[in-house]
Amino acid sequence: MLEKQISVVKKAATAYKGELLVIPVMQDNSGGYMPGLAAELLAGLAGYGEFSGKSEQCLLLYPPFGTGLAASLRCRRLLFVGLGGAGDGDRDLLHERLRLAGGAVAAQCKAARVEELALCAGCDALSGPQTSLLLEGLLLGDYRFLKYKTPDPDEPSYDGIKTIEILAARGVAALKRETARVARAAAAVHVARDMANEPGNGWTASHFARYAEDLARRLDISCSILEKEDMAALGMGGILAVNQGSLQPPKMVILHYYPDQATETILLVGKGLTFDSGGISLKPAQGMMDMKYDMCGGAAVLAAMEVIAAERPQVGVVAIIPSTDNMVSGGALKPGDVITHYGGVTAEIESTDAEGRLLLADALAYGIEKYAPTCAIDMATLTGSMIFALGHHYCGFMSNDQRLSEKLASLGRACGEPLWRMPLDEAYKKQLKSEVADMKNTGGKAAGCVTAAEYLHRFVGTTPWAHLDIAGTAWNFTEKSYVPKGPSGFGVRVLIELVRNWQAGQ
């Protein structure tokens, strides 16, 4: 993605001479506009009924802009974007409207091929922190993946927004800090989307490993890669079983950030299955091409780790991405086979298409034993069952810890990545009972997303843990102005916010 220049300056809107001046507009409770620049400029347009300030509504104007204060504007275009009513809903809903407004601005910029813009901070009672949320939506919405597209000589190219000025009357220093945090998180989301958009032959386990090694060098954190022979020596029968049918070697990527004063560690585990054919339990041909997205959990964890390493929090963080593809060959894993996970738990394979839990089980068991984390969180496109349960609107999650669950749910609401807690109960373990091994790798169609979590539950012991099944949100996520079609980058921001808001002893 194109690097953006983002600056916060103490400058009046009338002093901006660039391509596009963006003025957010918030309605007051009577249907008018909150006091500010927009209210004066829009007064002369009220009779046309083209703009009411409702959420995501845009009005693009060209000079001359009018009389009075409008006549003193020197920008080449003027864009009003609606935020809805000041009293609508709670804080999280308002924040989501701000992100949606930012995404609407990004769409306007794409249509007009705008490369530079200024965003008015503090207009119409919009605070500095709220302005940063609008910026977040703008940055998230300004995304495209063109790596494999040949440019059309008859169509002018547009690589996106290059320069953003935030015009602030006060609080410049604080706003600079906040916009930097927002920009880092948005860039990480773009990284995760880029990884997911890569085809199966363009992103393999080796690509995960190389990216992690480069990240570690750039940001001065530890990186280790467990190779196939290492996994065999450690008894990681889950990931090795999934890899049996592949020509590509598996990798277990481990990134470790640990500050000197840290007393606690968060373990993040992301499923890195770079393509899922289903193995011997072959998936239907229709829709199989989307199975290049089965590594979105690993992409989210790796992208989040880039921000974590850059911001240097006071809590230690370990990221593990077990990675391979799941292919069909004469040596592939078969239904009925019995495997032995790291730590000695045996599993009877009912379906080779229930492979993600085999990767995660080894990674969780190894990570918890080696690093003794304060809590563990895994993220995976694990089950189609989750899509049937919650559609593409919420990420379902299961957890053995109430406080961790409440924190994740709260952070998910705050950053527009909504999470819904599903049950985790001894009763579901009965569906995994095997006559020949410690457990089966599936519990049938009924409550498939829950039994998948129960499979993983076996490997975390008493460690506070949450399993996030992003099958419904990693791609085809709820239509939003700041989320493109295809991979969404879901999960990156909630993991970043978890680490940012972590308090020792909580």
Protein backbone atom coordinates (compact mmCIF):
# COMPACT_ATOMS: atom_id res chain seq x y z
CA MET A 1 0.00 0.00 0.00
CA LEU A 2 0.99 3.59 -0.65
CA GLU A 3 2.68 5.34 2.29
CA LYS A 4 0.60 8.29 3.42
CA GLN A 5 1.87 11.58 4.78
CA ILE A 6 -0.35 12.56 7.70
CA SER A 7 0.18 15.83 9.52
CA VAL A 8 -1.68 17.76 12.20
CA VAL A 9 -1.36 21.52 11.79
CA LYS A 10 -2.76 24.58 13.48
CA LYS A 11 -4.39 26.15 10.47
CA ALA A 12 -7.74 27.69 9.58
CA ALA A 13 -9.88 26.01 6.95
CA THR A 14 -9.78 29.20 4.90
CA ALA A 15 -5.98 28.88 4.62
CA TYR A 16 -6.04 25.45 2.96
CA LYS A 17 -5.34 25.57 -0.79
CA GLY A 18 -5.23 21.86 -1.63
CA GLU A 19 -7.42 19.47 -3.59
CA LEU A 20 -10.18 18.72 -1.09
CA LEU A 21 -11.34 20.23 2.19
CA VAL A 22 -13.48 17.81 4.25
CA ILE A 23 -15.89 19.23 6.81
CA PRO A 24 -17.75 16.76 9.06
CA VAL A 25 -21.31 17.76 9.88
CA MET A 26 -23.16 16.66 13.00
CA GLN A 27 -26.88 17.31 13.39
CA ASP A 28 -28.28 18.75 16.58
CA ASN A 29 -31.35 17.28 18.23
CA SER A 30 -33.72 19.63 16.42
CA GLY A 31 -32.60 18.53 12.96
CA GLY A 32 -30.33 21.52 12.36
CA TYR A 33 -26.54 21.53 12.46
CA MET A 34 -24.27 21.89 15.43
CA PRO A 35 -22.72 25.38 15.55
CA GLY A 36 -19.57 25.81 13.49
CA LEU A 37 -18.20 26.41 10.03
CA ALA A 38 -20.49 23.89 8.33
CA ALA A 39 -23.68 25.42 9.71
CA GLU A 40 -22.81 28.79 8.17
CA LEU A 41 -21.72 27.35 4.83
CA LEU A 42 -24.76 25.08 4.52
CA ALA A 43 -27.31 27.73 5.45
CA GLY A 44 -27.56 28.91 1.86
CA LEU A 45 -28.08 25.36 0.57
CA ALA A 46 -30.82 24.32 2.97
CA GLY A 47 -33.58 25.07 0.46
CA TYR A 48 -32.32 22.47 -2.01
CA GLY A 49 -32.82 19.57 0.40
CA GLU A 50 -29.75 17.73 -0.96
CA PHE A 51 -27.94 17.36 2.34
CA SER A 52 -29.32 16.71 5.80
CA GLY A 53 -26.19 15.58 7.63
CA LYS A 54 -27.37 12.02 8.14
CA SER A 55 -24.73 9.36 8.64
CA GLU A 56 -22.39 8.82 5.65
CA GLN A 57 -24.23 11.36 3.47
CA CYS A 58 -21.84 13.44 1.34
CA LEU A 59 -22.14 16.70 -0.56
CA LEU A 60 -19.31 17.70 -2.90
CA LEU A 61 -19.03 21.34 -3.98
CA TYR A 62 -16.80 23.20 -6.41
CA PRO A 63 -15.93 26.93 -6.27
CA PRO A 64 -17.37 29.46 -5.98
CA PHE A 65 -18.71 28.19 -2.68
CA GLY A 66 -20.91 31.13 -1.78
CA THR A 67 -20.72 34.45 -0.02
CA GLY A 68 -19.41 35.52 3.37
CA LEU A 69 -17.06 33.01 4.96
CA ALA A 70 -17.61 30.60 2.05
CA ALA A 71 -16.13 33.13 -0.35
CA SER A 72 -12.85 33.11 1.56
CA LEU A 73 -12.26 29.36 1.08
CA ARG A 74 -9.33 28.62 -1.24
CA CYS A 75 -9.59 24.84 -1.58
CA ARG A 76 -10.28 23.32 -5.01
CA ARG A 77 -13.17 21.15 -3.75
CA LEU A 78 -15.28 21.14 -0.61
CA LEU A 79 -16.84 17.98 0.83
CA PHE A 80 -19.43 17.86 3.61
CA VAL A 81 -19.83 14.45 5.25
CA GLY A 82 -22.70 13.66 7.59
CA LEU A 83 -22.27 12.14 11.04
CA GLY A 84 -25.92 11.84 12.02
CA GLY A 85 -27.45 13.23 15.17
CA ALA A 86 -25.44 14.19 18.23
CA GLY A 87 -27.80 12.31 20.54
CA ASP A 88 -28.14 9.11 18.49
CA GLY A 89 -27.17 5.96 20.39
CA ASP A 90 -24.29 5.34 22.74
CA ARG A 91 -20.61 6.22 22.50
CA ASP A 92 -19.61 3.08 20.60
CA LEU A 93 -22.33 3.68 18.01
CA LEU A 94 -21.19 7.28 17.56
CA HIS A 95 -17.62 6.09 17.09
CA GLU A 96 -18.78 3.62 14.46
CA ARG A 97 -20.64 6.41 12.64
CA LEU A 98 -17.41 8.40 12.59
CA ARG A 99 -15.52 5.50 11.03
CA LEU A 100 -18.31 5.02 8.49
CA ALA A 101 -18.14 8.72 7.60
CA GLY A 102 -14.40 8.36 7.04
CA GLY A 103 -15.02 5.41 4.74
CA ALA A 104 -17.55 7.50 2.81
CA VAL A 105 -14.89 10.21 2.35
CA ALA A 106 -12.47 7.58 1.01
CA ALA A 107 -15.08 6.52 -1.56
CA GLN A 108 -15.55 10.14 -2.66
CA CYS A 109 -11.79 10.52 -3.02
CA LYS A 110 -11.60 7.41 -5.18
CA ALA A 111 -14.41 8.64 -7.44
CA ALA A 112 -12.76 12.07 -7.86
CA ARG A 113 -9.18 10.64 -7.85
CA VAL A 114 -8.23 12.92 -4.98
CA GLU A 115 -4.66 12.41 -3.72
CA GLU A 116 -4.50 15.14 -1.07
CA LEU A 117 -7.05 16.42 1.39
CA ALA A 118 -7.50 18.34 4.60
CA LEU A 119 -9.81 17.28 7.40
CA CYS A 120 -11.25 19.88 9.71
CA ALA A 121 -10.82 18.84 13.34
CA GLY A 122 -13.15 20.21 15.96
CA CYS A 123 -15.79 21.37 13.46
CA ASP A 124 -19.37 21.09 14.60
CA ALA A 125 -18.50 19.97 18.12
CA LEU A 126 -16.28 17.16 16.85
CA SER A 127 -13.49 16.64 19.38
CA GLY A 128 -9.90 15.72 18.57
CA PRO A 129 -10.30 12.04 19.53
CA GLN A 130 -13.47 11.87 17.45
CA THR A 131 -11.60 13.35 14.51
CA SER A 132 -9.06 10.53 14.81
CA LEU A 133 -11.90 8.00 14.48
CA LEU A 134 -13.04 9.66 11.28
CA LEU A 135 -9.42 9.47 10.11
CA GLU A 136 -9.40 5.77 11.00
CA GLY A 137 -12.38 5.11 8.73
CA LEU A 138 -10.76 7.16 5.98
CA LEU A 139 -7.51 5.20 6.16
CA LEU A 140 -9.25 1.82 6.39
CA GLY A 141 -11.49 2.71 3.45
CA ASP A 142 -8.61 3.83 1.25
CA TYR A 143 -7.51 0.31 0.35
CA ARG A 144 -6.90 -1.55 -2.89
CA PHE A 145 -4.97 -4.65 -3.93
CA LEU A 146 -3.58 -4.24 -7.45
CA LYS A 147 -0.44 -6.36 -7.32
CA TYR A 148 -1.55 -8.75 -10.04
CA LYS A 149 -3.52 -6.26 -12.19
CA THR A 150 -2.03 -4.96 -15.42
CA PRO A 151 -2.64 -1.19 -15.63
CA ASP A 152 -5.20 -0.14 -18.23
CA PRO A 153 -3.53 2.40 -20.56
CA ASP A 154 -6.94 3.97 -21.25
CA GLU A 155 -7.79 4.38 -17.57
CA PRO A 156 -5.81 6.87 -15.46
CA SER A 157 -4.25 5.08 -12.52
CA TYR A 158 -5.23 5.97 -8.96
CA ASP A 159 -3.08 4.65 -6.15
CA GLY A 160 -5.04 6.27 -3.37
CA ILE A 161 -4.68 9.20 -1.00
CA LYS A 162 -1.11 10.39 -0.54
CA THR A 163 -1.36 13.38 1.80
CA ILE A 164 -3.75 14.15 4.67
CA GLU A 165 -3.66 17.37 6.68
CA ILE A 166 -5.71 17.60 9.85
CA LEU A 167 -6.57 21.21 10.56
CA ALA A 168 -6.83 21.81 14.30
CA ALA A 169 -7.46 24.97 16.27
CA ARG A 170 -6.16 23.47 19.54
CA GLY A 171 -4.83 20.28 21.07
CA VAL A 172 -2.35 19.73 18.26
CA ALA A 173 0.17 17.69 20.28
CA ALA A 174 -2.46 15.28 21.64
CA LEU A 175 -4.06 14.89 18.24
CA LYS A 176 -0.69 14.07 16.68
CA ARG A 177 -0.22 11.23 19.16
CA GLU A 178 -3.70 9.88 18.56
CA THR A 179 -3.51 10.06 14.76
CA ALA A 180 -0.18 8.22 14.86
CA ARG A 181 -1.80 5.38 16.82
CA VAL A 182 -4.72 5.26 14.39
CA ALA A 183 -2.42 5.29 11.36
CA ARG A 184 -0.32 2.40 12.71
CA ALA A 185 -3.39 0.26 13.35
CA ALA A 186 -4.92 1.02 9.95
CA ALA A 187 -1.63 0.19 8.21
CA ALA A 188 -1.58 -3.14 10.06
CA VAL A 189 -5.09 -3.92 8.83
CA HIS A 190 -3.89 -3.22 5.27
CA VAL A 191 -0.98 -5.62 5.82
CA ALA A 192 -3.38 -8.37 6.93
CA ARG A 193 -5.65 -7.70 3.95
CA ASP A 194 -2.68 -7.84 1.58
CA MET A 195 -1.58 -11.20 2.98
CA ALA A 196 -5.09 -12.60 2.63
CA ASN A 197 -5.50 -11.28 -0.92
CA GLU A 198 -2.41 -13.15 -2.04
CA PRO A 199 -3.23 -16.37 -3.94
CA GLY A 200 -2.32 -19.73 -2.47
CA ASN A 201 0.79 -19.86 -4.66
CA GLY A 202 1.75 -16.34 -3.58
CA TRP A 203 1.52 -16.80 0.18
CA THR A 204 2.77 -20.01 1.77
CA ALA A 205 4.08 -21.00 5.18
CA SER A 206 7.53 -19.87 4.03
CA HIS A 207 6.14 -16.40 3.27
CA PHE A 208 4.78 -16.17 6.82
CA ALA A 209 8.23 -17.09 8.11
CA ARG A 210 10.11 -14.60 5.93
CA TYR A 211 7.74 -11.76 6.82
CA ALA A 212 8.11 -12.49 10.53
CA GLU A 213 11.89 -12.61 10.31
CA ASP A 214 11.97 -9.27 8.50
CA LEU A 215 9.57 -7.75 11.06
CA ALA A 216 11.79 -8.94 13.91
CA ARG A 217 14.88 -7.37 12.33
CA ARG A 218 13.13 -4.06 11.68
CA LEU A 219 11.59 -3.74 15.13
CA ASP A 220 14.19 -5.49 17.26
CA ILE A 221 12.17 -8.35 18.69
CA SER A 222 12.89 -12.09 18.85
CA CYS A 223 11.82 -14.47 16.09
CA SER A 224 12.20 -18.22 15.85
CA ILE A 225 10.88 -20.62 13.22
CA LEU A 226 10.17 -24.24 14.05
CA GLU A 227 10.86 -26.36 10.97
CA LYS A 228 9.34 -29.74 10.14
CA GLU A 229 12.14 -31.65 11.83
CA ASP A 230 11.76 -29.49 14.97
CA MET A 231 8.04 -30.24 15.11
CA ALA A 232 8.71 -33.96 14.71
CA ALA A 233 11.20 -33.89 17.57
CA LEU A 234 8.69 -32.02 19.76
CA GLY A 235 5.83 -34.37 18.91
CA MET A 236 3.60 -31.82 17.17
CA GLY A 237 1.46 -34.43 15.46
CA GLY A 238 -1.36 -32.03 14.63
CA ILE A 239 0.41 -29.67 12.28
CA LEU A 240 2.50 -32.52 10.83
CA ALA A 241 -0.66 -34.53 10.08
CA VAL A 242 -2.25 -31.63 8.18
CA ASN A 243 0.98 -31.13 6.23
CA GLN A 244 1.26 -34.77 5.12
CA GLY A 245 -0.36 -34.15 1.74
CA SER A 246 1.57 -31.00 0.91
CA LEU A 247 4.68 -30.29 -1.12
CA GLN A 248 5.27 -27.16 0.96
CA PRO A 249 7.05 -27.59 4.33
CA PRO A 250 5.18 -26.45 7.44
CA LYS A 251 6.44 -23.61 9.62
CA MET A 252 5.63 -22.59 13.16
CA VAL A 253 6.40 -18.88 13.37
CA ILE A 254 7.11 -17.49 16.84
CA LEU A 255 7.58 -13.78 17.58
CA HIS A 256 8.44 -12.75 21.12
CA TYR A 257 8.31 -9.20 22.51
CA TYR A 258 9.29 -8.98 26.18
CA PRO A 259 10.14 -5.66 27.88
CA ASP A 260 12.49 -5.65 30.86
CA GLN A 261 9.85 -4.65 33.41
CA ALA A 262 7.09 -6.97 32.18
CA THR A 263 5.45 -9.22 34.77
CA GLU A 264 2.77 -10.66 32.47
CA THR A 265 2.62 -12.18 28.99
CA ILE A 266 -0.18 -12.40 26.43
CA LEU A 267 -0.07 -15.35 24.03
CA LEU A 268 -1.62 -14.76 20.59
CA VAL A 269 -2.08 -17.73 18.25
CA GLY A 270 -3.30 -17.35 14.66
CA LYS A 271 -4.26 -20.12 12.26
CA GLY A 272 -2.00 -19.85 9.21
CA LEU A 273 -3.57 -22.36 6.80
CA THR A 274 -2.56 -20.86 3.47
CA PHE A 275 -4.95 -22.98 1.39
CA ASP A 276 -7.56 -25.52 2.47
CA SER A 277 -8.70 -28.13 -0.05
CA GLY A 278 -10.27 -30.12 2.78
CA GLY A 279 -7.76 -32.90 2.24
CA ILE A 280 -9.21 -36.39 1.66
CA SER A 281 -12.52 -34.97 2.98
CA LEU A 282 -12.49 -32.77 -0.10
CA LYS A 283 -14.42 -29.52 -0.13
CA PRO A 284 -16.93 -28.79 -2.92
CA ALA A 285 -15.39 -27.06 -5.93
CA GLN A 286 -17.78 -24.14 -5.62
CA GLY A 287 -16.24 -21.58 -3.31
CA MET A 288 -12.99 -23.48 -2.81
CA MET A 289 -11.01 -20.58 -4.24
CA ASP A 290 -11.96 -18.61 -1.14
CA MET A 291 -9.98 -21.08 0.93
CA LYS A 292 -6.87 -19.00 0.31
CA TYR A 293 -8.40 -16.87 3.09
CA ASP A 294 -8.03 -19.66 5.64
CA MET A 295 -4.88 -17.96 6.94
CA CYS A 296 -6.65 -14.76 8.01
CA GLY A 297 -6.19 -15.55 11.71
CA GLY A 298 -2.44 -15.87 11.25
CA ALA A 299 -2.39 -12.69 9.16
CA ALA A 300 -4.26 -10.77 11.88
CA VAL A 301 -1.89 -11.94 14.62
CA LEU A 302 1.23 -11.17 12.58
CA ALA A 303 -0.05 -7.73 11.51
CA ALA A 304 -1.06 -6.85 15.08
CA MET A 305 2.38 -7.89 16.29
CA GLU A 306 3.91 -5.27 13.99
CA VAL A 307 2.09 -2.50 15.87
CA ILE A 308 2.76 -4.07 19.27
CA ALA A 309 6.50 -4.26 18.58
CA ALA A 310 6.56 -0.65 17.35
CA GLU A 311 4.68 0.74 20.37
CA ARG A 312 6.68 -1.21 23.01
CA PRO A 313 3.97 -1.78 25.66
CA GLN A 314 4.79 -2.86 29.23
CA VAL A 315 3.27 -6.32 28.80
CA GLY A 316 5.09 -9.18 27.09
CA VAL A 317 3.49 -10.60 23.94
CA VAL A 318 4.20 -13.90 22.18
CA ALA A 319 2.70 -14.51 18.74
CA ILE A 320 2.58 -18.01 17.26
CA ILE A 321 1.43 -18.78 13.71
CA PRO A 322 1.31 -22.50 12.86
CA SER A 323 1.28 -22.60 9.07
CA THR A 324 0.88 -25.09 6.25
CA ASP A 325 -1.65 -25.86 3.53
CA ASN A 326 -4.10 -28.78 3.53
CA MET A 327 -3.78 -30.73 0.31
CA VAL A 328 -4.61 -34.13 -1.20
CA SER A 329 -1.96 -36.70 -2.12
CA GLY A 330 -1.10 -40.34 -1.62
CA GLY A 331 0.46 -39.45 1.71
CA ALA A 332 -2.33 -37.22 2.97
CA LEU A 333 -4.02 -37.65 6.36
CA LYS A 334 -6.99 -40.04 6.17
CA PRO A 335 -10.28 -40.27 8.06
CA GLY A 336 -9.81 -42.88 10.75
CA ASP A 337 -6.14 -42.07 11.35
CA VAL A 338 -5.01 -41.42 14.93
CA ILE A 339 -2.55 -38.62 15.67
CA THR A 340 -0.67 -37.55 18.78
CA HIS A 341 -0.56 -33.86 19.68
CA TYR A 342 2.18 -31.99 21.49
CA GLY A 343 1.89 -33.12 25.11
CA GLY A 344 0.61 -36.61 24.28
CA VAL A 345 -3.14 -36.19 23.69
CA THR A 346 -4.34 -38.54 20.93
CA ALA A 347 -7.07 -37.71 18.42
CA GLU A 348 -9.05 -39.84 15.98
CA ILE A 349 -9.54 -38.07 12.66
CA GLU A 350 -13.16 -38.11 11.51
CA SER A 351 -12.72 -35.36 8.93
CA THR A 352 -9.51 -34.08 7.36
CA ASP A 353 -11.41 -30.86 6.72
CA ALA A 354 -11.44 -30.17 10.46
CA GLU A 355 -7.75 -29.36 10.27
CA GLY A 356 -7.47 -25.91 11.80
CA ARG A 357 -7.97 -27.19 15.33
CA LEU A 358 -5.10 -29.63 14.78
CA LEU A 359 -2.73 -26.72 14.09
CA LEU A 360 -4.03 -24.58 16.93
CA ALA A 361 -3.96 -27.39 19.49
CA ASP A 362 -0.23 -27.95 19.01
CA ALA A 363 0.50 -24.22 19.05
CA LEU A 364 -1.58 -23.54 22.17
CA ALA A 365 -0.19 -26.49 24.09
CA TYR A 366 3.39 -25.58 23.17
CA GLY A 367 2.99 -21.85 23.78
CA ILE A 368 1.32 -22.27 27.16
CA GLU A 369 3.90 -24.77 28.39
CA LYS A 370 6.91 -22.79 27.15
CA TYR A 371 5.86 -19.21 27.94
CA ALA A 372 3.40 -19.65 30.88
CA PRO A 373 1.26 -16.73 29.62
CA THR A 374 -1.15 -14.72 31.73
CA CYS A 375 -3.77 -15.38 29.07
CA ALA A 376 -3.99 -16.97 25.62
CA ILE A 377 -6.09 -15.90 22.64
CA ASP A 378 -6.37 -17.79 19.39
CA MET A 379 -7.92 -16.46 16.21
CA ALA A 380 -8.97 -18.63 13.29
CA THR A 381 -11.31 -19.04 10.36
CA LEU A 382 -12.26 -22.32 12.00
CA THR A 383 -15.80 -23.42 11.19
CA GLY A 384 -18.54 -22.85 8.63
CA SER A 385 -20.84 -23.53 11.56
CA MET A 386 -20.02 -20.09 12.94
CA ILE A 387 -21.37 -18.48 9.76
CA PHE A 388 -24.66 -20.36 10.19
CA ALA A 389 -24.79 -19.22 13.82
CA LEU A 390 -23.99 -15.51 13.46
CA GLY A 391 -23.76 -14.75 9.74
CA HIS A 392 -21.16 -12.23 8.67
CA HIS A 393 -21.98 -9.62 11.29
CA TYR A 394 -20.39 -10.86 14.52
CA CYS A 395 -17.36 -12.92 15.39
CA GLY A 396 -18.34 -15.68 17.77
CA PHE A 397 -15.97 -16.45 20.59
CA MET A 398 -15.70 -18.93 23.45
CA SER A 399 -13.75 -18.49 26.63
CA ASN A 400 -13.04 -20.14 29.97
CA ASP A 401 -12.61 -16.77 31.73
CA GLN A 402 -15.30 -14.18 32.49
CA ARG A 403 -13.02 -11.15 32.86
CA LEU A 404 -11.19 -11.85 29.61
CA SER A 405 -14.53 -12.35 27.85
CA GLU A 406 -15.92 -9.06 29.10
CA LYS A 407 -12.77 -7.20 28.09
CA LEU A 408 -12.74 -8.65 24.58
CA ALA A 409 -16.45 -7.95 24.05
CA SER A 410 -16.04 -4.36 25.23
CA LEU A 411 -13.02 -3.73 23.02
CA GLY A 412 -14.75 -5.33 20.04
CA ARG A 413 -17.70 -2.94 20.40
CA ALA A 414 -15.38 0.04 20.77
CA CYS A 415 -13.36 -0.64 17.63
CA GLY A 416 -16.15 -1.85 15.33
CA GLU A 417 -15.13 -5.52 15.42
CA PRO A 418 -18.14 -6.95 17.30
CA LEU A 419 -17.76 -10.19 19.24
CA TRP A 420 -20.52 -12.44 20.58
CA ARG A 421 -19.80 -14.95 23.30
CA MET A 422 -20.93 -18.52 22.64
CA PRO A 423 -21.27 -21.29 25.26
CA LEU A 424 -18.43 -23.49 26.42
CA ASP A 425 -19.72 -26.42 28.43
CA GLU A 426 -18.84 -29.94 29.55
CA ALA A 427 -21.91 -31.25 27.70
CA TYR A 428 -20.35 -30.46 24.32
CA LYS A 429 -17.28 -32.54 25.13
CA LYS A 430 -19.44 -35.66 24.91
CA GLN A 431 -19.72 -35.10 21.15
CA LEU A 432 -15.93 -35.49 20.87
CA LYS A 433 -15.78 -38.86 22.63
CA SER A 434 -13.80 -41.47 20.69
CA GLU A 435 -13.73 -45.22 21.15
CA VAL A 436 -10.10 -45.51 19.98
CA ALA A 437 -8.38 -42.30 21.08
CA ASP A 438 -8.61 -39.55 23.70
CA MET A 439 -10.97 -37.59 21.48
CA LYS A 440 -12.28 -37.15 17.95
CA ASN A 441 -11.50 -34.09 15.86
CA THR A 442 -15.18 -33.38 15.11
CA GLY A 443 -18.41 -33.63 17.03
CA GLY A 444 -20.78 -33.73 14.07
CA LYS A 445 -22.77 -30.88 12.52
CA ALA A 446 -24.66 -29.92 15.67
CA ALA A 447 -22.99 -26.95 17.41
CA GLY A 448 -19.90 -27.47 15.27
CA CYS A 449 -18.35 -24.13 16.21
CA VAL A 450 -18.71 -24.93 19.91
CA THR A 451 -17.33 -28.46 19.70
CA ALA A 452 -14.36 -27.09 17.74
CA ALA A 453 -13.67 -24.74 20.65
CA GLU A 454 -14.08 -27.63 23.09
CA TYR A 455 -11.40 -29.51 21.17
CA LEU A 456 -9.01 -26.61 21.78
CA HIS A 457 -10.17 -26.25 25.38
CA ARG A 458 -8.44 -29.57 26.12
CA PHE A 459 -5.05 -27.97 25.43
CA VAL A 460 -5.16 -24.76 27.50
CA GLY A 461 -5.58 -26.18 31.02
CA THR A 462 -6.44 -23.46 33.54
CA THR A 463 -4.87 -20.61 31.57
CA PRO A 464 -7.43 -17.84 30.88
CA TRP A 465 -8.17 -18.33 27.19
CA ALA A 466 -10.44 -17.14 24.41
CA HIS A 467 -11.01 -18.65 20.98
CA LEU A 468 -12.19 -16.23 18.27
CA ASP A 469 -13.78 -17.92 15.26
CA ILE A 470 -13.56 -15.32 12.49
CA ALA A 471 -14.94 -17.55 9.72
CA GLY A 472 -17.87 -15.19 9.15
CA THR A 473 -16.00 -11.90 9.47
CA ALA A 474 -12.56 -12.49 7.91
CA TRP A 475 -14.09 -11.93 4.48
CA ASN A 476 -17.59 -10.93 3.32
CA PHE A 477 -17.84 -8.99 6.59
CA THR A 478 -20.92 -6.81 7.09
CA GLU A 479 -20.95 -4.21 4.33
CA LYS A 480 -19.28 -1.06 5.60
CA SER A 481 -17.85 1.96 3.84
CA TYR A 482 -14.44 1.36 5.39
CA VAL A 483 -14.30 -2.40 4.72
CA PRO A 484 -13.54 -3.55 1.15
CA LYS A 485 -14.97 -6.58 -0.56
CA GLY A 486 -12.88 -9.65 0.12
CA PRO A 487 -10.67 -9.93 3.21
CA SER A 488 -11.53 -7.42 5.92
CA GLY A 489 -8.52 -7.59 8.23
CA PHE A 490 -10.95 -8.36 11.06
CA GLY A 491 -9.30 -8.99 14.41
CA VAL A 492 -6.19 -6.87 13.94
CA ARG A 493 -7.55 -3.86 15.77
CA VAL A 494 -9.17 -5.75 18.65
CA LEU A 495 -5.85 -7.52 19.36
CA ILE A 496 -3.97 -4.20 19.22
CA GLU A 497 -6.48 -2.59 21.58
CA LEU A 498 -6.28 -5.52 23.99
CA VAL A 499 -2.54 -5.01 24.36
CA ARG A 500 -2.82 -1.22 24.47
CA ASN A 501 -5.37 -1.40 27.27
CA TRP A 502 -3.75 -4.21 29.22
CA GLN A 503 -3.20 -3.52 32.91
CA ALA A 504 -1.09 -5.87 35.01
CA GLY A 505 -3.05 -7.87 37.52
CA GLN A 506 -6.41 -7.36 35.81
